[in-house]
Amino acid sequence: MAEHDDTNLSEDEQAEVAEHAPTAPKVVHAAVSMHGEDELDRPAASLLWSAIAAGIAIMTSVSVSGALHHYLPEARWRDAVVALGYPVGFLMVVLGRMQLFTEQTIVAILPLARHTNMHNFARVARLWSLVFVGNLAGAASIAALAVFGNVQSDEMLDGMLAVSAKLQERSATETLMQAIPAGFIMASVAWIRSAENRAGFSIVLVLTLAISLCGFAHVIAGAAEAFLLLWSGLAATSWVAFGFLLPALIGNVIGGTLMFAFLSHAQVRAEI
């Protein structure tokens, strides 16, 4: 195939061509990897507090979805409209650069994939542990406040519980399998935003809406719902831990780490 000849273009025109050219995959990979290194080097306290804030903020998805469920009439299309509330918390967390398990934690895998050693493995384990614990602490705290603090009307709380109760319709195995695509989608958020950062709002909105519409399981957004059910007496601790959190965590890690992160690295491995 003949190479493209741009010698007849002026310098300004060549600069315009370069500006409009899509970002090369290895450039995106390098940007995500650099982001991952930055996250791995952050102090533990910074990661933990950011993760707690993310766990609190993600409850906004449940609150807005619950409000839509409350105000909308019973109809076949109601669930599709209720799904529009799901991206709100993710927009707050992702655009606010908070630490969310599956989105921020996945970027840390690329430095490990590039330099696989015990030192990097320990760094990733530290990051994942802090973020996951912080997310759960934030989600559990805000769920308790929603149930016991009268921060919204009883009708709103009923709507939030009705939305959350859908988690209990799935078995642990179904949750694990439906968490795999959610992990893959959330991992893609970081990758796509590095390629097209100016469209961050639209990227997060569309991809998280897809998770909700398709009924996929995200471990932290789902944790906010599971803790709501727990504090309301509608779910047992054993179900929260082993019926939802553990299978959702495993599925998200499979989808986000084993599938997306390593495939993303594999596609540019020969070029770096």
Protein backbone atom coordinates (compact mmCIF):
# COMPACT_ATOMS: atom_id res chain seq x y z
CA MET A 1 0.00 0.00 0.00
CA ALA A 2 1.41 3.39 -0.96
CA GLU A 3 2.12 5.85 1.83
CA HIS A 4 0.01 8.97 1.97
CA ASP A 5 1.79 11.90 0.35
CA ASP A 6 1.14 15.17 2.16
CA THR A 7 4.04 17.11 0.64
CA ASN A 8 1.57 19.28 -1.25
CA LEU A 9 0.09 20.55 2.01
CA SER A 10 1.25 23.70 3.73
CA GLU A 11 2.67 23.57 7.27
CA ASP A 12 -0.59 24.94 8.65
CA GLU A 13 -2.58 22.30 6.74
CA GLN A 14 -0.29 19.50 7.96
CA ALA A 15 -0.74 20.76 11.54
CA GLU A 16 -4.50 20.69 11.04
CA VAL A 17 -4.30 17.09 9.75
CA ALA A 18 -2.29 16.07 12.84
CA GLU A 19 -4.83 17.81 15.08
CA HIS A 20 -7.73 15.87 13.57
CA ALA A 21 -5.97 12.49 13.46
CA PRO A 22 -7.20 9.92 15.98
CA THR A 23 -4.95 9.28 18.97
CA ALA A 24 -2.70 6.27 18.41
CA PRO A 25 -3.42 3.29 20.70
CA LYS A 26 0.11 3.29 22.11
CA VAL A 27 -0.31 6.97 23.06
CA VAL A 28 -3.56 6.19 24.86
CA HIS A 29 -1.84 3.23 26.55
CA ALA A 30 1.01 5.47 27.70
CA ALA A 31 -1.40 8.08 29.05
CA VAL A 32 -3.44 5.52 30.99
CA SER A 33 -0.26 3.87 32.28
CA MET A 34 1.08 7.24 33.46
CA HIS A 35 -2.22 7.89 35.20
CA GLY A 36 -1.91 4.50 36.85
CA GLU A 37 1.59 5.28 38.11
CA ASP A 38 0.32 8.54 39.61
CA GLU A 39 -2.49 6.71 41.43
CA LEU A 40 -0.11 4.02 42.73
CA ASP A 41 2.18 6.69 44.19
CA ARG A 42 -0.55 8.58 46.08
CA PRO A 43 -0.50 8.52 49.90
CA ALA A 44 -2.74 5.95 51.55
CA ALA A 45 -4.78 8.60 53.35
CA SER A 46 -5.51 10.43 50.09
CA LEU A 47 -6.68 7.24 48.40
CA LEU A 48 -8.84 6.20 51.36
CA TRP A 49 -10.63 9.54 51.80
CA SER A 50 -11.18 9.87 48.06
CA ALA A 51 -12.64 6.35 48.02
CA ILE A 52 -14.96 7.13 50.95
CA ALA A 53 -16.17 10.24 49.12
CA ALA A 54 -16.84 8.13 46.02
CA GLY A 55 -18.82 5.59 48.04
CA ILE A 56 -20.97 8.40 49.41
CA ALA A 57 -21.42 10.11 46.05
CA ILE A 58 -22.45 6.92 44.25
CA MET A 59 -25.62 6.86 46.36
CA THR A 60 -26.82 9.73 44.18
CA SER A 61 -27.46 7.16 41.45
CA VAL A 62 -29.80 5.27 43.77
CA SER A 63 -31.48 8.45 45.01
CA VAL A 64 -32.26 9.78 41.52
CA SER A 65 -33.38 6.35 40.30
CA GLY A 66 -35.60 6.02 43.37
CA ALA A 67 -37.10 9.46 42.77
CA LEU A 68 -37.90 8.58 39.16
CA HIS A 69 -39.44 5.29 40.30
CA HIS A 70 -41.59 7.21 42.81
CA TYR A 71 -42.86 9.88 40.41
CA LEU A 72 -43.43 7.76 37.30
CA PRO A 73 -46.62 5.73 36.81
CA GLU A 74 -46.47 1.97 36.54
CA ALA A 75 -45.82 1.19 32.87
CA ARG A 76 -43.65 -1.05 30.72
CA TRP A 77 -41.34 1.86 29.97
CA ARG A 78 -40.82 2.98 33.59
CA ASP A 79 -37.68 0.90 34.21
CA ALA A 80 -36.05 2.33 31.09
CA VAL A 81 -36.64 5.89 32.34
CA VAL A 82 -35.58 5.00 35.89
CA ALA A 83 -32.27 3.82 34.40
CA LEU A 84 -31.52 7.45 33.50
CA GLY A 85 -30.83 8.10 37.17
CA TYR A 86 -28.01 5.56 37.34
CA PRO A 87 -25.29 7.66 35.61
CA VAL A 88 -25.68 10.64 37.98
CA GLY A 89 -23.51 9.25 40.77
CA PHE A 90 -20.93 7.99 38.29
CA LEU A 91 -20.71 11.43 36.69
CA MET A 92 -20.01 12.97 40.11
CA VAL A 93 -17.39 10.36 40.95
CA VAL A 94 -15.57 9.98 37.63
CA LEU A 95 -15.54 13.64 36.59
CA GLY A 96 -14.70 14.58 40.18
CA ARG A 97 -11.61 12.30 40.01
CA MET A 98 -12.68 10.31 43.06
CA GLN A 99 -11.37 6.79 43.63
CA LEU A 100 -13.95 4.30 42.39
CA PHE A 101 -13.24 0.60 42.29
CA THR A 102 -13.28 -0.61 38.63
CA GLU A 103 -12.67 2.81 37.07
CA GLN A 104 -9.66 4.30 38.83
CA THR A 105 -8.27 0.98 40.07
CA ILE A 106 -8.11 -0.56 36.59
CA VAL A 107 -5.59 2.03 35.37
CA ALA A 108 -3.14 0.68 37.94
CA ILE A 109 -3.04 -2.66 36.12
CA LEU A 110 -1.19 -1.29 33.10
CA PRO A 111 2.00 -0.44 35.03
CA LEU A 112 1.86 -3.98 36.46
CA ALA A 113 1.33 -5.44 32.99
CA ARG A 114 4.30 -3.49 31.63
CA HIS A 115 6.60 -4.42 34.51
CA THR A 116 5.35 -7.57 36.20
CA ASN A 117 7.14 -7.95 39.52
CA MET A 118 6.32 -8.33 43.20
CA HIS A 119 6.91 -4.65 43.90
CA ASN A 120 4.24 -3.54 41.41
CA PHE A 121 1.93 -6.34 42.51
CA ALA A 122 2.14 -5.08 46.10
CA ARG A 123 1.46 -1.51 44.96
CA VAL A 124 -1.65 -2.61 43.05
CA ALA A 125 -2.87 -4.70 46.00
CA ARG A 126 -2.44 -1.68 48.29
CA LEU A 127 -4.40 0.58 45.95
CA TRP A 128 -7.21 -1.92 45.39
CA SER A 129 -7.58 -2.69 49.10
CA LEU A 130 -7.73 0.96 50.14
CA VAL A 131 -10.18 1.93 47.42
CA PHE A 132 -12.48 -1.05 47.90
CA VAL A 133 -12.64 -0.65 51.68
CA GLY A 134 -13.13 3.12 51.36
CA ASN A 135 -15.90 2.71 48.77
CA LEU A 136 -17.74 0.20 50.97
CA ALA A 137 -17.35 2.39 54.05
CA GLY A 138 -18.76 5.39 52.22
CA ALA A 139 -21.63 3.42 50.70
CA ALA A 140 -22.54 1.79 54.03
CA SER A 141 -22.45 5.11 55.87
CA ILE A 142 -24.61 7.03 53.41
CA ALA A 143 -27.07 4.13 53.20
CA ALA A 144 -27.44 4.18 56.99
CA LEU A 145 -28.03 7.93 56.87
CA ALA A 146 -30.67 7.47 54.15
CA VAL A 147 -32.53 4.87 56.24
CA PHE A 148 -32.19 6.32 59.74
CA GLY A 149 -31.47 10.03 59.18
CA ASN A 150 -34.70 11.20 57.52
CA VAL A 151 -32.71 12.95 54.82
CA GLN A 152 -35.49 12.25 52.32
CA SER A 153 -39.20 11.54 52.52
CA ASP A 154 -40.52 8.07 53.25
CA GLU A 155 -41.92 7.96 49.71
CA MET A 156 -38.47 8.65 48.25
CA LEU A 157 -36.93 5.97 50.45
CA ASP A 158 -39.58 3.51 49.31
CA GLY A 159 -38.66 4.28 45.70
CA MET A 160 -34.95 3.72 46.43
CA LEU A 161 -35.73 0.41 48.14
CA ALA A 162 -37.92 -0.68 45.22
CA VAL A 163 -35.06 -0.02 42.80
CA SER A 164 -32.55 -1.75 45.10
CA ALA A 165 -34.74 -4.83 45.57
CA LYS A 166 -34.02 -5.88 41.99
CA LEU A 167 -30.60 -7.05 43.22
CA GLN A 168 -32.32 -9.84 45.11
CA GLU A 169 -33.90 -11.23 41.95
CA ARG A 170 -30.50 -12.60 40.86
CA SER A 171 -28.61 -15.58 42.19
CA ALA A 172 -24.95 -15.19 43.18
CA THR A 173 -23.90 -16.88 39.95
CA GLU A 174 -26.06 -14.55 37.86
CA THR A 175 -24.61 -11.56 39.70
CA LEU A 176 -21.06 -12.74 38.99
CA MET A 177 -21.72 -13.25 35.30
CA GLN A 178 -23.59 -9.94 34.93
CA ALA A 179 -20.75 -8.14 36.71
CA ILE A 180 -18.24 -9.17 34.05
CA PRO A 181 -19.57 -6.83 31.32
CA ALA A 182 -19.97 -4.04 33.89
CA GLY A 183 -16.29 -4.37 34.80
CA PHE A 184 -15.33 -4.31 31.13
CA ILE A 185 -17.43 -1.21 30.44
CA MET A 186 -16.13 0.71 33.47
CA ALA A 187 -12.53 -0.13 32.57
CA SER A 188 -13.17 1.23 29.09
CA VAL A 189 -14.21 4.58 30.58
CA ALA A 190 -10.63 5.39 31.63
CA TRP A 191 -9.24 4.22 28.27
CA ILE A 192 -11.72 6.16 26.12
CA ARG A 193 -11.44 9.33 28.22
CA SER A 194 -7.68 9.31 27.67
CA ALA A 195 -8.31 9.17 23.93
CA GLU A 196 -11.09 11.77 23.95
CA ASN A 197 -11.00 13.65 27.25
CA ARG A 198 -13.07 16.59 26.01
CA ALA A 199 -16.12 14.34 25.75
CA GLY A 200 -15.79 13.00 29.29
CA PHE A 201 -19.35 13.84 30.31
CA SER A 202 -20.88 12.06 27.33
CA ILE A 203 -18.59 9.05 27.66
CA VAL A 204 -19.49 8.45 31.31
CA LEU A 205 -23.18 9.13 30.68
CA VAL A 206 -23.53 6.71 27.76
CA LEU A 207 -21.44 3.87 29.17
CA THR A 208 -22.93 3.88 32.68
CA LEU A 209 -26.43 4.18 31.21
CA ALA A 210 -25.63 1.05 29.20
CA ILE A 211 -24.77 -0.78 32.46
CA SER A 212 -28.12 0.19 33.97
CA LEU A 213 -30.27 -0.50 30.91
CA CYS A 214 -28.68 -3.92 30.41
CA GLY A 215 -29.04 -4.88 34.05
CA PHE A 216 -25.31 -5.41 34.63
CA ALA A 217 -23.89 -5.43 38.17
CA HIS A 218 -21.39 -2.87 39.48
CA VAL A 219 -20.00 -3.81 42.88
CA ILE A 220 -19.97 -0.31 44.44
CA ALA A 221 -23.19 1.08 42.98
CA GLY A 222 -24.80 -2.22 43.92
CA ALA A 223 -23.24 -2.04 47.40
CA ALA A 224 -25.11 1.21 48.04
CA GLU A 225 -28.35 -0.59 47.16
CA ALA A 226 -27.42 -3.70 49.16
CA PHE A 227 -26.64 -1.66 52.28
CA LEU A 228 -29.96 0.16 51.91
CA LEU A 229 -31.73 -3.20 51.97
CA LEU A 230 -29.60 -4.35 54.92
CA TRP A 231 -30.26 -1.30 57.11
CA SER A 232 -33.97 -1.47 56.22
CA GLY A 233 -34.17 -5.09 57.40
CA LEU A 234 -34.92 -6.39 53.91
CA ALA A 235 -31.67 -8.31 53.47
CA ALA A 236 -29.37 -10.41 55.64
CA THR A 237 -25.70 -9.65 56.20
CA SER A 238 -24.78 -13.01 54.67
CA TRP A 239 -26.63 -12.15 51.46
CA VAL A 240 -24.95 -8.74 51.24
CA ALA A 241 -21.49 -10.28 51.67
CA PHE A 242 -21.81 -13.54 49.74
CA GLY A 243 -24.94 -13.12 47.64
CA PHE A 244 -23.93 -9.79 46.13
CA LEU A 245 -20.59 -8.19 47.11
CA LEU A 246 -18.29 -11.17 46.57
CA PRO A 247 -19.72 -12.34 43.21
CA ALA A 248 -19.99 -8.76 41.93
CA LEU A 249 -16.39 -8.08 42.95
CA ILE A 250 -15.13 -11.21 41.21
CA GLY A 251 -17.12 -10.45 38.05
CA ASN A 252 -15.97 -6.82 37.89
CA VAL A 253 -12.34 -7.87 38.33
CA ILE A 254 -12.63 -10.50 35.59
CA GLY A 255 -14.24 -8.06 33.17
CA GLY A 256 -12.12 -5.04 34.00
CA THR A 257 -8.74 -6.60 34.71
CA LEU A 258 -8.42 -9.95 33.01
CA MET A 259 -10.37 -8.93 29.92
CA PHE A 260 -10.09 -5.20 29.28
CA ALA A 261 -6.83 -4.13 30.92
CA PHE A 262 -4.73 -7.03 29.68
CA LEU A 263 -6.31 -6.98 26.20
CA SER A 264 -5.62 -3.25 26.01
CA HIS A 265 -2.00 -3.93 26.92
CA ALA A 266 -1.73 -6.83 24.47
CA GLN A 267 -2.79 -4.70 21.50
CA VAL A 268 0.19 -2.38 21.91
CA ARG A 269 2.72 -4.69 23.55
CA ALA A 270 4.73 -5.10 20.34
CA GLU A 271 4.85 -1.31 19.86
CA ILE A 272 6.21 -0.23 23.25
